[in-house]
C-alpha atoms as a PDB file:
ATOM      1  CA  UNK A   1     -56.822  36.197  79.779  1.00  0.00           C
ATOM      2  CA  UNK A   2     -57.674  37.241  83.305  1.00  0.00           C
ATOM      3  CA  UNK A   3     -60.751  39.410  83.855  1.00  0.00           C
ATOM      4  CA  UNK A   4     -59.261  42.183  86.000  1.00  0.00           C
ATOM      5  CA  UNK A   5     -61.190  45.306  86.800  1.00  0.00           C
ATOM      6  CA  UNK A   6     -59.615  48.750  86.948  1.00  0.00           C
ATOM      7  CA  UNK A   7     -58.059  49.195  90.398  1.00  0.00           C
ATOM      8  CA  UNK A   8     -59.637  51.703  92.726  1.00  0.00           C
ATOM      9  CA  UNK A   9     -56.414  53.712  93.076  1.00  0.00           C
ATOM     10  CA  UNK A  10     -56.569  56.087  90.104  1.00  0.00           C
ATOM     11  CA  UNK A  11     -53.243  56.684  88.344  1.00  0.00           C
ATOM     12  CA  UNK A  12     -53.812  60.431  88.327  1.00  0.00           C
ATOM     13  CA  UNK A  13     -53.474  60.921  92.051  1.00  0.00           C
ATOM     14  CA  UNK A  14     -52.614  64.106  93.844  1.00  0.00           C
ATOM     15  CA  UNK A  15     -48.991  64.527  94.992  1.00  0.00           C
ATOM     16  CA  UNK A  16     -48.305  63.068  98.398  1.00  0.00           C
ATOM     17  CA  UNK A  17     -50.939  60.312  98.150  1.00  0.00           C
ATOM     18  CA  UNK A  18     -50.255  56.622  97.855  1.00  0.00           C
ATOM     19  CA  UNK A  19     -48.891  55.193  94.590  1.00  0.00           C
ATOM     20  CA  UNK A  20     -51.373  53.341  92.398  1.00  0.00           C
ATOM     21  CA  UNK A  21     -51.460  49.670  93.282  1.00  0.00           C
ATOM     22  CA  UNK A  22     -53.403  46.473  92.776  1.00  0.00           C
ATOM     23  CA  UNK A  23     -53.283  43.199  94.718  1.00  0.00           C
ATOM     24  CA  UNK A  24     -53.062  40.059  92.614  1.00  0.00           C
ATOM     25  CA  UNK A  25     -52.615  36.306  92.815  1.00  0.00           C
ATOM     26  CA  UNK A  26     -50.764  34.023  90.415  1.00  0.00           C
ATOM     27  CA  UNK A  27     -52.058  30.686  89.117  1.00  0.00           C
ATOM     28  CA  UNK A  28     -49.275  28.180  88.267  1.00  0.00           C
ATOM     29  CA  UNK A  29     -49.586  24.767  86.627  1.00  0.00           C
ATOM     30  CA  UNK A  30     -47.164  22.025  87.635  1.00  0.00           C
ATOM     31  CA  UNK A  31     -46.814  18.858  85.528  1.00  0.00           C
ATOM     32  CA  UNK A  32     -45.104  15.682  86.825  1.00  0.00           C
ATOM     33  CA  UNK A  33     -42.722  14.003  84.371  1.00  0.00           C
ATOM     34  CA  UNK A  34     -43.640  16.041  81.274  1.00  0.00           C
ATOM     35  CA  UNK A  35     -40.947  14.184  79.286  1.00  0.00           C
ATOM     36  CA  UNK A  36     -38.098  11.741  79.753  1.00  0.00           C
ATOM     37  CA  UNK A  37     -35.615  14.481  80.717  1.00  0.00           C
ATOM     38  CA  UNK A  38     -37.608  16.397  83.338  1.00  0.00           C
ATOM     39  CA  UNK A  39     -39.232  15.361  86.603  1.00  0.00           C
ATOM     40  CA  UNK A  40     -41.323  18.544  86.767  1.00  0.00           C
ATOM     41  CA  UNK A  41     -42.352  21.427  84.541  1.00  0.00           C
ATOM     42  CA  UNK A  42     -43.974  24.693  85.559  1.00  0.00           C
ATOM     43  CA  UNK A  43     -46.101  27.132  83.626  1.00  0.00           C
ATOM     44  CA  UNK A  44     -47.781  30.379  84.704  1.00  0.00           C
ATOM     45  CA  UNK A  45     -51.440  30.249  83.653  1.00  0.00           C
ATOM     46  CA  UNK A  46     -52.723  33.668  84.682  1.00  0.00           C
ATOM     47  CA  UNK A  47     -52.604  36.618  87.100  1.00  0.00           C
ATOM     48  CA  UNK A  48     -55.953  37.323  88.765  1.00  0.00           C
ATOM     49  CA  UNK A  49     -57.213  39.996  91.203  1.00  0.00           C
ATOM     50  CA  UNK A  50     -56.515  38.989  94.781  1.00  0.00           C
ATOM     51  CA  UNK A  51     -59.555  38.097  96.893  1.00  0.00           C
ATOM     52  CA  UNK A  52     -59.612  37.865 100.640  1.00  0.00           C
ATOM     53  CA  UNK A  53     -60.764  34.217 100.483  1.00  0.00           C
ATOM     54  CA  UNK A  54     -57.429  33.313  98.870  1.00  0.00           C
ATOM     55  CA  UNK A  55     -55.585  33.840 102.122  1.00  0.00           C
ATOM     56  CA  UNK A  56     -51.865  34.643 102.087  1.00  0.00           C
ATOM     57  CA  UNK A  57     -50.194  31.268 101.527  1.00  0.00           C
ATOM     58  CA  UNK A  58     -49.889  29.173  98.378  1.00  0.00           C
ATOM     59  CA  UNK A  59     -52.280  26.309  98.021  1.00  0.00           C
ATOM     60  CA  UNK A  60     -53.183  23.558  95.637  1.00  0.00           C
ATOM     61  CA  UNK A  61     -56.512  24.111  93.897  1.00  0.00           C
ATOM     62  CA  UNK A  62     -56.501  21.145  91.498  1.00  0.00           C
ATOM     63  CA  UNK A  63     -54.614  17.844  91.245  1.00  0.00           C
ATOM     64  CA  UNK A  64     -55.275  14.874  88.961  1.00  0.00           C
ATOM     65  CA  UNK A  65     -52.095  13.015  89.908  1.00  0.00           C
ATOM     66  CA  UNK A  66     -50.057  14.351  86.988  1.00  0.00           C
ATOM     67  CA  UNK A  67     -51.088  17.976  86.602  1.00  0.00           C
ATOM     68  CA  UNK A  68     -51.791  20.276  89.502  1.00  0.00           C
ATOM     69  CA  UNK A  69     -52.713  23.948  89.713  1.00  0.00           C
ATOM     70  CA  UNK A  70     -51.484  26.184  92.525  1.00  0.00           C
ATOM     71  CA  UNK A  71     -52.687  29.570  93.684  1.00  0.00           C
ATOM     72  CA  UNK A  72     -50.012  31.974  94.929  1.00  0.00           C
ATOM     73  CA  UNK A  73     -51.822  34.945  96.505  1.00  0.00           C
ATOM     74  CA  UNK A  74     -50.547  38.129  98.108  1.00  0.00           C
ATOM     75  CA  UNK A  75     -48.673  40.013  95.429  1.00  0.00           C
ATOM     76  CA  UNK A  76     -48.925  43.776  95.035  1.00  0.00           C
ATOM     77  CA  UNK A  77     -48.284  45.589  91.801  1.00  0.00           C
ATOM     78  CA  UNK A  78     -47.235  49.118  92.765  1.00  0.00           C
ATOM     79  CA  UNK A  79     -46.492  51.639  90.032  1.00  0.00           C
ATOM     80  CA  UNK A  80     -43.320  53.768  90.266  1.00  0.00           C
ATOM     81  CA  UNK A  81     -42.502  56.769  88.101  1.00  0.00           C
ATOM     82  CA  UNK A  82     -38.900  55.626  87.680  1.00  0.00           C
ATOM     83  CA  UNK A  83     -40.084  52.314  86.145  1.00  0.00           C
ATOM     84  CA  UNK A  84     -42.127  54.045  83.412  1.00  0.00           C
ATOM     85  CA  UNK A  85     -39.647  53.146  80.702  1.00  0.00           C
ATOM     86  CA  UNK A  86     -40.235  49.487  81.487  1.00  0.00           C
ATOM     87  CA  UNK A  87     -44.005  50.003  81.427  1.00  0.00           C
ATOM     88  CA  UNK A  88     -43.674  51.902  78.127  1.00  0.00           C
ATOM     89  CA  UNK A  89     -41.626  49.041  76.561  1.00  0.00           C
ATOM     90  CA  UNK A  90     -44.261  46.549  77.693  1.00  0.00           C
ATOM     91  CA  UNK A  91     -47.211  48.607  76.409  1.00  0.00           C
ATOM     92  CA  UNK A  92     -45.596  49.231  73.009  1.00  0.00           C
ATOM     93  CA  UNK A  93     -44.502  45.584  72.497  1.00  0.00           C
ATOM     94  CA  UNK A  94     -47.727  44.687  70.696  1.00  0.00           C
ATOM     95  CA  UNK A  95     -48.703  42.185  73.423  1.00  0.00           C
ATOM     96  CA  UNK A  96     -48.776  43.872  76.846  1.00  0.00           C
ATOM     97  CA  UNK A  97     -48.319  41.298  79.551  1.00  0.00           C
ATOM     98  CA  UNK A  98     -47.640  40.408  83.169  1.00  0.00           C
ATOM     99  CA  UNK A  99     -44.090  39.230  83.898  1.00  0.00           C
ATOM    100  CA  UNK A 100     -44.101  36.582  86.621  1.00  0.00           C
ATOM    101  CA  UNK A 101     -40.784  35.508  88.037  1.00  0.00           C
ATOM    102  CA  UNK A 102     -40.085  32.356  90.027  1.00  0.00           C
ATOM    103  CA  UNK A 103     -37.244  30.145  91.210  1.00  0.00           C
ATOM    104  CA  UNK A 104     -36.942  26.583  92.526  1.00  0.00           C
ATOM    105  CA  UNK A 105     -37.425  25.971  96.216  1.00  0.00           C
ATOM    106  CA  UNK A 106     -34.154  24.904  97.818  1.00  0.00           C
ATOM    107  CA  UNK A 107     -34.230  21.163  98.504  1.00  0.00           C
ATOM    108  CA  UNK A 108     -37.546  20.498  96.714  1.00  0.00           C
ATOM    109  CA  UNK A 109     -37.393  20.471  92.918  1.00  0.00           C
ATOM    110  CA  UNK A 110     -41.113  19.727  92.782  1.00  0.00           C
ATOM    111  CA  UNK A 111     -41.979  23.245  93.984  1.00  0.00           C
ATOM    112  CA  UNK A 112     -41.190  26.810  92.951  1.00  0.00           C
ATOM    113  CA  UNK A 113     -41.341  30.108  94.768  1.00  0.00           C
ATOM    114  CA  UNK A 114     -43.070  32.955  92.915  1.00  0.00           C
ATOM    115  CA  UNK A 115     -40.953  36.030  93.538  1.00  0.00           C
ATOM    116  CA  UNK A 116     -42.851  38.817  91.717  1.00  0.00           C
ATOM    117  CA  UNK A 117     -45.650  39.770  89.370  1.00  0.00           C
ATOM    118  CA  UNK A 118     -44.701  42.901  87.428  1.00  0.00           C
ATOM    119  CA  UNK A 119     -45.616  44.861  84.301  1.00  0.00           C
ATOM    120  CA  UNK A 120     -42.136  46.346  83.802  1.00  0.00           C
ATOM    121  CA  UNK A 121     -40.115  44.958  80.938  1.00  0.00           C
ATOM    122  CA  UNK A 122     -36.918  46.245  82.542  1.00  0.00           C
ATOM    123  CA  UNK A 123     -37.667  44.641  85.934  1.00  0.00           C
ATOM    124  CA  UNK A 124     -38.333  41.329  84.169  1.00  0.00           C
ATOM    125  CA  UNK A 125     -34.921  41.661  82.431  1.00  0.00           C
ATOM    126  CA  UNK A 126     -33.233  42.318  85.818  1.00  0.00           C
ATOM    127  CA  UNK A 127     -34.837  39.222  87.282  1.00  0.00           C
ATOM    128  CA  UNK A 128     -33.750  37.086  84.304  1.00  0.00           C
ATOM    129  CA  UNK A 129     -30.245  38.365  84.718  1.00  0.00           C
ATOM    130  CA  UNK A 130     -30.365  37.384  88.408  1.00  0.00           C
ATOM    131  CA  UNK A 131     -31.084  33.795  87.380  1.00  0.00           C
ATOM    132  CA  UNK A 132     -34.838  33.632  87.955  1.00  0.00           C
ATOM    133  CA  UNK A 133     -37.318  32.128  85.499  1.00  0.00           C
ATOM    134  CA  UNK A 134     -39.637  34.772  84.021  1.00  0.00           C
ATOM    135  CA  UNK A 135     -42.836  33.964  82.117  1.00  0.00           C
ATOM    136  CA  UNK A 136     -45.350  36.308  80.568  1.00  0.00           C
ATOM    137  CA  UNK A 137     -49.155  36.102  80.510  1.00  0.00           C
ATOM    138  CA  UNK A 138     -51.503  38.541  78.801  1.00  0.00           C
ATOM    139  CA  UNK A 139     -52.466  41.744  80.594  1.00  0.00           C
ATOM    140  CA  UNK A 140     -56.247  42.462  80.655  1.00  0.00           C
ATOM    141  CA  UNK A 141     -57.340  45.430  78.489  1.00  0.00           C
ATOM    142  CA  UNK A 142     -58.628  47.326  81.562  1.00  0.00           C
ATOM    143  CA  UNK A 143     -55.217  47.051  83.216  1.00  0.00           C
ATOM    144  CA  UNK A 144     -53.536  48.112  79.977  1.00  0.00           C
ATOM    145  CA  UNK A 145     -55.607  51.316  80.009  1.00  0.00           C
ATOM    146  CA  UNK A 146     -54.765  51.904  83.690  1.00  0.00           C
ATOM    147  CA  UNK A 147     -51.067  51.333  83.062  1.00  0.00           C
ATOM    148  CA  UNK A 148     -51.176  53.469  79.887  1.00  0.00           C
ATOM    149  CA  UNK A 149     -52.736  56.398  81.772  1.00  0.00           C
ATOM    150  CA  UNK A 150     -50.067  56.222  84.479  1.00  0.00           C
ATOM    151  CA  UNK A 151     -47.251  55.873  81.923  1.00  0.00           C
ATOM    152  CA  UNK A 152     -48.604  58.823  79.879  1.00  0.00           C
ATOM    153  CA  UNK A 153     -48.598  60.998  83.021  1.00  0.00           C
ATOM    154  CA  UNK A 154     -45.151  60.030  84.333  1.00  0.00           C
ATOM    155  CA  UNK A 155     -42.933  58.791  81.512  1.00  0.00           C
ATOM    156  CA  UNK A 156     -40.196  61.200  80.362  1.00  0.00           C
ATOM    157  CA  UNK A 157     -38.370  59.794  77.326  1.00  0.00           C
ATOM    158  CA  UNK A 158     -34.606  60.113  77.337  1.00  0.00           C
ATOM    159  CA  UNK A 159     -33.347  62.724  74.957  1.00  0.00           C
ATOM    160  CA  UNK A 160     -31.346  61.325  72.099  1.00  0.00           C
ATOM    161  CA  UNK A 161     -28.040  63.044  71.450  1.00  0.00           C
ATOM    162  CA  UNK A 162     -26.862  63.503  67.905  1.00  0.00           C
ATOM    163  CA  UNK A 163     -23.496  61.934  67.308  1.00  0.00           C
ATOM    164  CA  UNK A 164     -21.390  63.857  64.840  1.00  0.00           C
ATOM    165  CA  UNK A 165     -20.209  61.571  62.035  1.00  0.00           C
ATOM    166  CA  UNK A 166     -16.476  60.922  62.078  1.00  0.00           C
ATOM    167  CA  UNK A 167     -16.196  62.174  58.486  1.00  0.00           C
ATOM    168  CA  UNK A 168     -17.221  65.683  59.703  1.00  0.00           C
ATOM    169  CA  UNK A 169     -14.621  65.852  62.436  1.00  0.00           C
ATOM    170  CA  UNK A 170     -11.272  67.520  62.031  1.00  0.00           C
ATOM    171  CA  UNK A 171      -8.228  65.197  62.211  1.00  0.00           C
ATOM    172  CA  UNK A 172      -7.491  66.615  65.694  1.00  0.00           C
ATOM    173  CA  UNK A 173     -11.036  65.836  66.939  1.00  0.00           C
ATOM    174  CA  UNK A 174     -10.813  62.281  65.537  1.00  0.00           C
ATOM    175  CA  UNK A 175      -7.486  61.767  67.274  1.00  0.00           C
ATOM    176  CA  UNK A 176      -8.898  63.102  70.559  1.00  0.00           C
ATOM    177  CA  UNK A 177     -11.899  60.746  70.354  1.00  0.00           C
ATOM    178  CA  UNK A 178      -9.612  57.850  69.555  1.00  0.00           C
ATOM    179  CA  UNK A 179      -7.449  58.577  72.601  1.00  0.00           C
ATOM    180  CA  UNK A 180     -10.550  58.858  74.778  1.00  0.00           C
ATOM    181  CA  UNK A 181     -11.897  55.506  73.505  1.00  0.00           C
ATOM    182  CA  UNK A 182      -8.495  53.798  74.051  1.00  0.00           C
ATOM    183  CA  UNK A 183      -8.339  55.189  77.596  1.00  0.00           C
ATOM    184  CA  UNK A 184     -11.790  53.827  78.322  1.00  0.00           C
ATOM    185  CA  UNK A 185     -10.862  50.438  76.902  1.00  0.00           C
ATOM    186  CA  UNK A 186      -7.620  50.296  78.933  1.00  0.00           C
ATOM    187  CA  UNK A 187      -9.370  51.214  82.177  1.00  0.00           C
ATOM    188  CA  UNK A 188     -12.102  48.624  81.736  1.00  0.00           C
ATOM    189  CA  UNK A 189     -14.795  51.030  80.485  1.00  0.00           C
ATOM    190  CA  UNK A 190     -14.303  53.827  83.013  1.00  0.00           C
ATOM    191  CA  UNK A 191     -12.714  57.072  81.878  1.00  0.00           C
END
């Protein structure tokens, strides 16, 4: 687990100030010919606080001929109030984590491009749906507390609406709901 410290930008900031953010780098492990069916495999090892000495471009930090480790610096996690549901889902999962997304580099199957480091479950789902690989690595307890404080301040749960059981509806109301459902089905879900 990475040893991140609590970012300097407090989550309880006054209105009109910058959003809470932290700069991070991603450590990726690449293995040559992990099995008979793959030429390369990739695994996210950790997300660490960004340091100025890392620079802004990816670089190899270890290579033994078969396994290499790469540092991908320059990612910023910025918290947004409208992503709080995704933060909430992550925090309540039992294993809060970073979601790191990547995709193959065009024309070079031996390399990948890291596209994001996020803590939003919903953003990770969107990236998976877009065809990117998404892996998770544990989120440090200090960052969990930071994220929890922000989520507590900004998350507004959606109100659940009670649905009246069909058995309590009059025959006319059941018919009306049936017509509405058929109309939605016929129009492709839009009514």
